[in-house]
N, C-alpha and C. Protein backbone atom coordinates (compact mmCIF):
# COMPACT_ATOMS: atom_id res chain seq x y z
N MET A 1 1.13 -1.48 0.11
CA MET A 1 -0.09 0.21 -0.07
C MET A 1 0.71 1.32 -0.02
N SER A 2 0.52 2.21 -0.37
CA SER A 2 1.30 3.48 -0.53
C SER A 2 0.35 4.37 -0.40
N ALA A 3 1.10 5.64 0.47
CA ALA A 3 0.22 7.00 0.76
C ALA A 3 -0.46 7.65 -0.69
N ILE A 4 -1.86 8.14 -0.32
CA ILE A 4 -2.37 8.71 -1.18
C ILE A 4 -2.22 10.14 -1.59
N LEU A 5 -1.92 10.91 -1.97
CA LEU A 5 -1.90 12.58 -1.74
C LEU A 5 -3.08 12.94 -2.01
N THR A 6 -3.32 14.24 -1.09
CA THR A 6 -4.67 14.84 -1.02
C THR A 6 -4.77 16.10 -1.69
N HIS A 7 -5.87 16.74 -2.00
CA HIS A 7 -6.12 17.96 -2.53
C HIS A 7 -5.77 18.92 -1.27
N PRO A 8 -4.69 20.13 -1.41
CA PRO A 8 -4.40 20.54 -2.77
C PRO A 8 -3.03 20.63 -3.53
N ASN A 9 -2.83 19.19 -2.95
CA ASN A 9 -1.25 18.72 -3.53
C ASN A 9 -1.18 19.19 -4.89
N ILE A 10 -0.22 19.81 -5.37
CA ILE A 10 0.01 20.17 -6.75
C ILE A 10 0.25 19.54 -7.57
N LEU A 11 1.02 18.23 -7.07
CA LEU A 11 1.13 16.97 -8.11
C LEU A 11 0.08 16.31 -8.66
N LEU A 12 -0.92 16.57 -7.99
CA LEU A 12 -2.70 16.17 -8.42
C LEU A 12 -3.02 17.11 -9.77
N ARG A 13 -2.08 18.38 -10.28
CA ARG A 13 -2.84 18.92 -10.86
C ARG A 13 -2.06 18.88 -12.21
N GLU A 14 -0.75 17.71 -12.29
CA GLU A 14 0.17 17.43 -13.58
C GLU A 14 -0.94 16.69 -14.52
N VAL A 15 -0.02 17.04 -15.56
CA VAL A 15 -1.10 15.60 -16.76
C VAL A 15 0.24 14.61 -16.90
N SER A 16 -0.34 13.45 -16.55
CA SER A 16 0.40 12.44 -16.58
C SER A 16 1.10 12.02 -17.76
N LYS A 17 2.40 10.93 -18.06
CA LYS A 17 2.70 11.26 -18.93
C LYS A 17 2.53 9.60 -19.77
N GLU A 18 2.75 9.76 -20.92
CA GLU A 18 2.54 8.19 -21.81
C GLU A 18 4.03 7.14 -21.04
N VAL A 19 3.17 5.81 -20.88
CA VAL A 19 4.29 4.97 -20.14
C VAL A 19 4.57 4.11 -21.53
N GLU A 20 6.08 4.08 -21.63
CA GLU A 20 6.56 3.24 -22.37
C GLU A 20 6.12 1.88 -22.46
N LEU A 21 6.20 0.79 -23.47
CA LEU A 21 5.96 -0.38 -23.26
C LEU A 21 6.88 -0.97 -24.15
N PRO A 22 7.27 -2.28 -23.47
CA PRO A 22 6.89 -3.07 -22.38
C PRO A 22 7.17 -2.93 -21.31
N LEU A 23 6.25 -2.78 -20.26
CA LEU A 23 6.34 -2.67 -18.85
C LEU A 23 7.64 -2.90 -18.28
N ASN A 24 8.10 -1.88 -17.44
CA ASN A 24 9.48 -2.60 -16.77
C ASN A 24 9.25 -3.15 -15.55
N PRO A 25 9.91 -3.50 -14.67
CA PRO A 25 9.62 -4.38 -13.05
C PRO A 25 9.26 -3.19 -12.33
N ASP A 26 9.52 -1.71 -12.81
CA ASP A 26 9.17 -0.55 -11.87
C ASP A 26 7.83 -0.52 -11.73
N ASP A 27 7.41 -0.09 -13.28
CA ASP A 27 5.98 0.03 -13.31
C ASP A 27 4.98 -1.53 -12.94
N GLN A 28 5.61 -2.54 -13.33
CA GLN A 28 4.70 -3.63 -12.78
C GLN A 28 4.54 -3.68 -11.22
N SER A 29 5.74 -3.41 -10.45
CA SER A 29 5.50 -3.19 -9.09
C SER A 29 4.61 -1.85 -8.85
N LEU A 30 4.74 -0.81 -9.46
CA LEU A 30 3.64 0.35 -9.36
C LEU A 30 2.10 -0.40 -9.46
N ILE A 31 1.82 -1.10 -10.47
CA ILE A 31 0.55 -1.54 -10.51
C ILE A 31 0.35 -2.38 -9.36
N ASP A 32 0.76 -3.10 -8.98
CA ASP A 32 0.68 -4.13 -7.84
C ASP A 32 0.26 -2.93 -6.69
N THR A 33 1.32 -2.10 -6.33
CA THR A 33 1.00 -1.10 -5.15
C THR A 33 -0.34 -0.56 -5.15
N MET A 34 -0.69 -0.26 -6.49
CA MET A 34 -2.20 0.72 -7.00
C MET A 34 -2.93 -0.03 -6.71
N LYS A 35 -3.01 -1.52 -7.18
CA LYS A 35 -4.37 -2.53 -6.84
C LYS A 35 -4.52 -2.41 -5.00
N SER A 36 -3.17 -2.77 -4.72
CA SER A 36 -3.39 -3.28 -2.80
C SER A 36 -3.80 -1.62 -2.52
N THR A 37 -3.45 -0.54 -2.55
CA THR A 37 -3.89 0.57 -2.72
C THR A 37 -5.24 0.93 -2.46
N MET A 38 -5.82 0.61 -3.87
CA MET A 38 -6.98 0.80 -4.27
C MET A 38 -8.30 -0.01 -3.14
N TYR A 39 -7.68 -1.26 -3.12
CA TYR A 39 -8.39 -2.04 -2.41
C TYR A 39 -8.60 -1.72 -0.71
N GLU A 40 -7.50 -1.59 -0.41
CA GLU A 40 -7.32 -1.09 1.12
C GLU A 40 -8.21 0.09 1.58
N LYS A 41 -7.96 0.96 0.72
CA LYS A 41 -8.98 2.33 0.71
C LYS A 41 -10.07 2.17 0.55
N LYS A 42 -10.50 1.21 0.05
CA LYS A 42 -12.01 0.91 -0.56
C LYS A 42 -12.53 1.98 -1.61
N GLY A 43 -11.42 2.15 -2.06
CA GLY A 43 -11.53 2.79 -3.68
C GLY A 43 -12.01 1.84 -5.02
N ILE A 44 -13.13 2.41 -6.15
CA ILE A 44 -13.02 1.85 -6.92
C ILE A 44 -11.97 1.76 -7.96
N GLY A 45 -11.29 3.02 -8.20
CA GLY A 45 -9.98 3.52 -9.09
C GLY A 45 -9.50 4.00 -8.08
N LEU A 46 -7.98 4.26 -8.87
CA LEU A 46 -7.04 4.66 -8.38
C LEU A 46 -5.53 5.40 -9.59
N ALA A 47 -5.66 6.50 -10.10
CA ALA A 47 -4.74 6.79 -11.07
C ALA A 47 -3.15 6.87 -9.86
N ALA A 48 -2.18 6.49 -10.99
CA ALA A 48 -0.75 6.60 -10.51
C ALA A 48 -0.17 7.80 -9.95
N ILE A 49 -0.82 8.87 -10.57
CA ILE A 49 -0.64 10.23 -10.21
C ILE A 49 -1.34 10.23 -8.61
N GLN A 50 -1.89 10.11 -8.38
CA GLN A 50 -2.90 10.09 -6.79
C GLN A 50 -1.81 9.43 -5.75
N ILE A 51 -0.78 8.88 -5.81
CA ILE A 51 0.34 8.22 -5.49
C ILE A 51 1.79 8.50 -5.64
N GLY A 52 1.76 9.71 -6.47
CA GLY A 52 2.67 10.61 -6.82
C GLY A 52 3.54 9.45 -7.99
N TYR A 53 3.73 9.39 -8.74
CA TYR A 53 3.75 8.54 -10.11
C TYR A 53 2.93 9.39 -11.36
N GLN A 54 3.79 10.20 -11.98
CA GLN A 54 3.27 11.44 -13.60
C GLN A 54 3.21 10.13 -14.79
N LYS A 55 2.46 9.12 -14.35
CA LYS A 55 2.32 8.00 -15.39
C LYS A 55 1.02 7.94 -15.77
N ARG A 56 0.38 7.62 -16.84
CA ARG A 56 -0.78 7.35 -17.75
C ARG A 56 -1.26 5.87 -17.44
N ILE A 57 -1.25 5.37 -16.04
CA ILE A 57 -1.95 4.43 -15.58
C ILE A 57 -2.92 4.43 -14.72
N ALA A 58 -3.76 3.69 -14.35
CA ALA A 58 -4.78 3.83 -13.52
C ALA A 58 -5.27 2.29 -13.18
N VAL A 59 -5.77 2.02 -12.24
CA VAL A 59 -6.13 0.85 -11.84
C VAL A 59 -7.79 0.86 -11.47
N MET A 60 -9.25 0.15 -11.92
CA MET A 60 -10.17 0.24 -11.25
C MET A 60 -10.85 -1.26 -10.86
N ASP A 61 -11.84 -1.44 -10.28
CA ASP A 61 -12.61 -2.40 -10.11
C ASP A 61 -14.14 -2.25 -9.74
N THR A 62 -15.17 -2.16 -10.42
CA THR A 62 -16.22 -1.66 -10.03
C THR A 62 -17.42 -3.02 -9.86
N SER A 63 -16.74 -4.36 -10.07
CA SER A 63 -17.41 -5.46 -9.79
C SER A 63 -18.00 -5.32 -8.04
N ALA A 64 -19.00 -6.13 -8.20
CA ALA A 64 -19.66 -6.46 -6.75
C ALA A 64 -18.42 -7.44 -5.91
N SER A 65 -17.74 -8.08 -6.61
CA SER A 65 -16.85 -9.31 -5.82
C SER A 65 -15.66 -8.43 -5.27
N ARG A 66 -15.50 -7.04 -6.06
CA ARG A 66 -14.02 -6.42 -5.75
C ARG A 66 -13.16 -7.56 -6.19
N ASP A 67 -13.02 -8.42 -7.10
CA ASP A 67 -12.00 -9.33 -7.61
C ASP A 67 -11.55 -9.14 -8.99
N GLN A 68 -12.36 -8.43 -9.31
CA GLN A 68 -12.09 -8.42 -11.29
C GLN A 68 -11.38 -7.09 -11.36
N PRO A 69 -9.71 -6.67 -11.12
CA PRO A 69 -9.20 -5.23 -11.26
C PRO A 69 -9.01 -5.13 -12.86
N ILE A 70 -9.07 -4.01 -13.39
CA ILE A 70 -8.90 -3.83 -14.70
C ILE A 70 -7.68 -2.60 -14.38
N ILE A 71 -6.71 -2.85 -15.48
CA ILE A 71 -5.43 -1.86 -15.27
C ILE A 71 -5.56 -1.16 -16.99
N LEU A 72 -6.05 0.02 -16.87
CA LEU A 72 -5.64 0.74 -17.84
C LEU A 72 -4.44 1.87 -17.97
N ILE A 73 -3.68 0.73 -18.99
CA ILE A 73 -2.34 1.86 -19.17
C ILE A 73 -2.71 2.86 -20.46
N ASN A 74 -2.10 3.99 -20.50
CA ASN A 74 -2.20 5.00 -22.13
C ASN A 74 -3.59 5.24 -22.45
N PRO A 75 -4.37 5.22 -21.71
CA PRO A 75 -5.84 5.06 -22.15
C PRO A 75 -6.32 6.22 -23.22
N GLU A 76 -7.28 6.10 -24.07
CA GLU A 76 -7.19 7.21 -25.14
C GLU A 76 -8.56 6.67 -25.42
N VAL A 77 -9.59 7.85 -25.11
CA VAL A 77 -11.04 7.87 -25.38
C VAL A 77 -11.81 7.72 -26.79
N ILE A 78 -11.91 6.75 -27.23
CA ILE A 78 -12.70 6.31 -28.83
C ILE A 78 -14.07 6.94 -29.35
N ASP A 79 -14.83 6.69 -28.24
CA ASP A 79 -16.39 7.43 -28.29
C ASP A 79 -17.29 7.15 -26.90
N PHE A 80 -17.94 8.01 -27.08
CA PHE A 80 -18.57 8.27 -25.87
C PHE A 80 -20.14 8.60 -26.41
N SER A 81 -21.08 8.07 -25.15
CA SER A 81 -22.43 8.34 -25.51
C SER A 81 -23.12 9.95 -25.31
N GLU A 82 -24.00 10.04 -26.09
CA GLU A 82 -24.35 11.69 -25.79
C GLU A 82 -24.97 11.50 -24.49
N GLU A 83 -25.57 10.38 -23.72
CA GLU A 83 -26.43 10.87 -22.84
C GLU A 83 -25.50 10.74 -21.74
N SER A 84 -25.74 11.80 -20.72
CA SER A 84 -24.99 12.01 -19.76
C SER A 84 -25.68 11.96 -18.45
N LEU A 85 -24.98 12.17 -17.13
CA LEU A 85 -25.60 12.31 -16.08
C LEU A 85 -24.77 12.92 -14.89
N GLU A 86 -25.00 13.85 -14.61
CA GLU A 86 -24.67 14.64 -13.49
C GLU A 86 -24.58 13.74 -12.13
N VAL A 87 -23.67 13.31 -11.64
CA VAL A 87 -23.60 12.82 -10.40
C VAL A 87 -22.58 13.08 -9.18
N GLU A 88 -23.02 12.78 -8.12
CA GLU A 88 -22.10 13.22 -6.96
C GLU A 88 -20.97 12.36 -7.02
N GLU A 89 -19.88 12.66 -6.93
CA GLU A 89 -18.66 11.70 -6.88
C GLU A 89 -17.58 12.33 -5.89
N GLY A 90 -16.96 11.38 -5.22
CA GLY A 90 -15.94 11.17 -4.27
C GLY A 90 -14.93 10.82 -4.74
N CYS A 91 -13.86 11.05 -3.92
CA CYS A 91 -12.33 11.08 -4.33
C CYS A 91 -11.35 10.74 -3.24
N LEU A 92 -10.73 9.50 -3.44
CA LEU A 92 -9.69 9.34 -2.41
C LEU A 92 -8.82 10.31 -2.25
N SER A 93 -8.59 11.31 -3.31
CA SER A 93 -7.97 12.40 -2.99
C SER A 93 -8.08 13.64 -2.54
N ALA A 94 -9.53 13.57 -2.01
CA ALA A 94 -10.30 14.55 -1.65
C ALA A 94 -11.19 13.95 -0.66
N PRO A 95 -10.52 13.55 0.28
CA PRO A 95 -11.29 12.90 1.41
C PRO A 95 -12.68 13.97 1.94
N GLY A 96 -14.07 13.07 2.37
CA GLY A 96 -14.95 14.38 2.76
C GLY A 96 -15.52 15.44 1.77
N LYS A 97 -14.87 15.33 0.76
CA LYS A 97 -15.62 16.45 -0.43
C LYS A 97 -16.23 15.58 -1.60
N PHE A 98 -17.24 16.16 -2.11
CA PHE A 98 -17.83 15.61 -3.09
C PHE A 98 -17.76 16.88 -4.42
N GLY A 99 -17.74 16.22 -5.87
CA GLY A 99 -18.04 17.41 -7.18
C GLY A 99 -19.12 16.52 -7.47
N HIS A 100 -19.69 16.96 -8.40
CA HIS A 100 -20.81 16.74 -9.40
C HIS A 100 -20.75 16.78 -10.93
N PRO A 101 -19.74 16.51 -11.38
CA PRO A 101 -19.65 16.21 -12.83
C PRO A 101 -20.60 15.54 -13.61
N ARG A 102 -20.80 16.02 -14.73
CA ARG A 102 -21.45 15.17 -15.90
C ARG A 102 -20.60 14.39 -16.79
N ARG A 103 -21.21 13.19 -16.09
CA ARG A 103 -20.40 11.89 -17.04
C ARG A 103 -21.04 11.12 -18.34
N ASN A 104 -20.57 10.81 -19.36
CA ASN A 104 -21.42 10.24 -19.96
C ASN A 104 -21.69 8.79 -19.68
N LEU A 105 -22.90 7.88 -20.08
CA LEU A 105 -23.23 6.77 -19.66
C LEU A 105 -22.66 5.76 -20.02
N ARG A 106 -21.95 5.91 -21.43
CA ARG A 106 -20.93 5.07 -22.10
C ARG A 106 -19.69 5.39 -22.60
N ILE A 107 -18.65 4.75 -22.45
CA ILE A 107 -17.25 5.42 -22.89
C ILE A 107 -16.83 4.31 -23.43
N THR A 108 -15.80 4.21 -24.45
CA THR A 108 -15.27 3.62 -25.32
C THR A 108 -13.67 3.74 -25.25
N ILE A 109 -12.78 3.28 -24.92
CA ILE A 109 -11.45 3.54 -24.63
C ILE A 109 -10.58 2.43 -25.26
N ALA A 110 -9.63 2.92 -25.80
CA ALA A 110 -8.33 1.97 -26.26
C ALA A 110 -7.29 1.97 -25.37
N TYR A 111 -6.53 1.09 -24.69
CA TYR A 111 -5.83 1.00 -23.46
C TYR A 111 -5.03 -0.41 -23.84
N ASN A 112 -3.83 -0.04 -22.65
CA ASN A 112 -3.00 -1.45 -22.65
C ASN A 112 -3.04 -1.94 -21.64
N CYS A 113 -3.47 -3.17 -21.34
CA CYS A 113 -3.25 -4.01 -20.30
C CYS A 113 -1.80 -4.24 -19.90
N GLU A 114 -1.70 -4.69 -18.33
CA GLU A 114 -0.49 -4.72 -17.81
C GLU A 114 0.27 -6.03 -18.81
N HIS A 115 -0.48 -6.65 -19.42
CA HIS A 115 0.55 -7.35 -20.47
C HIS A 115 1.12 -6.74 -21.69
N GLY A 116 0.80 -5.61 -22.07
CA GLY A 116 0.98 -5.12 -22.98
C GLY A 116 0.45 -4.82 -24.45
N LYS A 117 -0.79 -5.91 -24.28
CA LYS A 117 -1.52 -6.09 -25.35
C LYS A 117 -2.54 -4.53 -25.26
N ARG A 118 -2.72 -4.19 -26.74
CA ARG A 118 -3.51 -3.08 -26.85
C ARG A 118 -5.03 -3.37 -26.78
N LEU A 119 -6.06 -3.04 -26.30
CA LEU A 119 -7.29 -3.54 -26.11
C LEU A 119 -8.24 -2.13 -26.45
N LYS A 120 -9.77 -2.89 -26.64
CA LYS A 120 -10.54 -1.52 -26.89
C LYS A 120 -11.64 -2.36 -26.14
N ARG A 121 -12.20 -1.37 -25.16
CA ARG A 121 -13.51 -1.85 -24.51
C ARG A 121 -14.43 -1.00 -24.22
N THR A 122 -15.78 -1.28 -24.33
CA THR A 122 -16.73 -0.14 -23.70
C THR A 122 -17.26 -0.36 -22.18
N PHE A 123 -17.74 0.43 -21.41
CA PHE A 123 -17.81 0.54 -20.36
C PHE A 123 -19.14 1.40 -20.09
N TYR A 124 -20.16 0.89 -19.13
CA TYR A 124 -21.12 1.66 -18.87
C TYR A 124 -21.57 1.91 -17.51
N ASP A 125 -21.99 2.95 -17.56
CA ASP A 125 -22.99 3.30 -15.78
C ASP A 125 -21.68 3.42 -15.36
N MET A 126 -21.45 2.93 -14.01
CA MET A 126 -20.80 3.26 -12.81
C MET A 126 -19.15 2.64 -13.58
N ALA A 127 -18.84 1.63 -14.00
CA ALA A 127 -17.49 1.62 -14.61
C ALA A 127 -17.24 2.80 -15.57
N ALA A 128 -18.30 3.55 -16.34
CA ALA A 128 -17.86 4.35 -17.29
C ALA A 128 -17.62 5.70 -16.77
N GLN A 129 -18.20 5.92 -15.81
CA GLN A 129 -18.12 6.98 -14.75
C GLN A 129 -16.49 7.06 -14.11
N CYS A 130 -16.05 5.71 -13.73
CA CYS A 130 -14.76 5.52 -12.78
C CYS A 130 -13.95 5.61 -14.04
N VAL A 131 -13.71 5.43 -15.46
CA VAL A 131 -13.39 5.79 -16.01
C VAL A 131 -12.69 6.97 -16.54
N GLN A 132 -14.00 7.54 -16.43
CA GLN A 132 -13.76 9.02 -16.73
C GLN A 132 -12.89 9.89 -15.53
N HIS A 133 -13.45 9.41 -14.37
CA HIS A 133 -12.82 9.90 -13.26
C HIS A 133 -11.19 9.92 -13.02
N GLU A 134 -10.94 8.70 -13.43
CA GLU A 134 -9.29 8.13 -13.62
C GLU A 134 -8.73 9.12 -14.95
N LEU A 135 -9.41 9.11 -15.89
CA LEU A 135 -9.05 9.98 -17.17
C LEU A 135 -8.64 11.35 -16.88
N ASP A 136 -9.83 11.88 -15.86
CA ASP A 136 -9.67 13.21 -15.50
C ASP A 136 -8.34 13.48 -14.76
N HIS A 137 -8.05 12.50 -13.82
CA HIS A 137 -6.82 12.35 -13.03
C HIS A 137 -5.57 12.70 -13.76
N MET A 138 -5.50 11.64 -14.88
CA MET A 138 -4.02 11.52 -15.84
C MET A 138 -4.06 13.12 -16.35
N ASN A 139 -5.27 14.05 -16.52
CA ASN A 139 -5.50 14.99 -17.12
C ASN A 139 -4.97 16.39 -16.00
N GLY A 140 -4.95 16.00 -14.35
CA GLY A 140 -4.73 17.17 -13.82
C GLY A 140 -6.11 17.90 -13.26
N LYS A 141 -7.15 17.04 -13.53
CA LYS A 141 -8.43 17.41 -12.79
C LYS A 141 -8.74 16.61 -11.96
N LEU A 142 -9.62 17.09 -10.76
CA LEU A 142 -10.42 16.39 -9.62
C LEU A 142 -11.99 16.62 -9.63
N CYS A 143 -12.67 15.63 -8.99
CA CYS A 143 -14.02 15.71 -9.43
C CYS A 143 -14.26 16.82 -8.73
N VAL A 144 -13.83 17.68 -7.31
CA VAL A 144 -14.41 18.66 -6.83
C VAL A 144 -13.93 19.70 -7.74
N ASP A 145 -13.43 20.06 -8.95
CA ASP A 145 -13.55 20.96 -9.53
C ASP A 145 -14.77 21.26 -10.55
N TYR A 146 -15.86 20.50 -10.27
CA TYR A 146 -17.23 20.61 -11.24
C TYR A 146 -18.03 21.16 -10.31
N ASP A 147 -17.61 21.49 -9.19
CA ASP A 147 -18.58 22.44 -8.39
C ASP A 147 -19.01 23.91 -8.33
């Protein structure tokens, strides 16, 4: 587990950098740390920048069983629904604070998995919200910015 940076830490405003593939052992270790931190803190997603690494990596798990982590490396938005919803959203980096971003109900992204394979996947509802939240982190934005 790792300490999570909290607002107003200025590193949270930095834009994360592309990750070179294949992953090196340090990046693999970072992903393991991110997963354990996310589960320990009872989050559904965590971006590398939240623990001090300026890399375009996020982990997420919106499954009911909390045992189906998804690793997003260098994600890019391919498509999204026109339908959106304003949601109340919290963040591990802004404990006790909430924002009200408007999130698309569906989003399709291309990303690399931790094995380096380029994948394309469509996420819906809570998973789509989580992806957009983590993309915001990679771009230096927090959910509390939406109020």
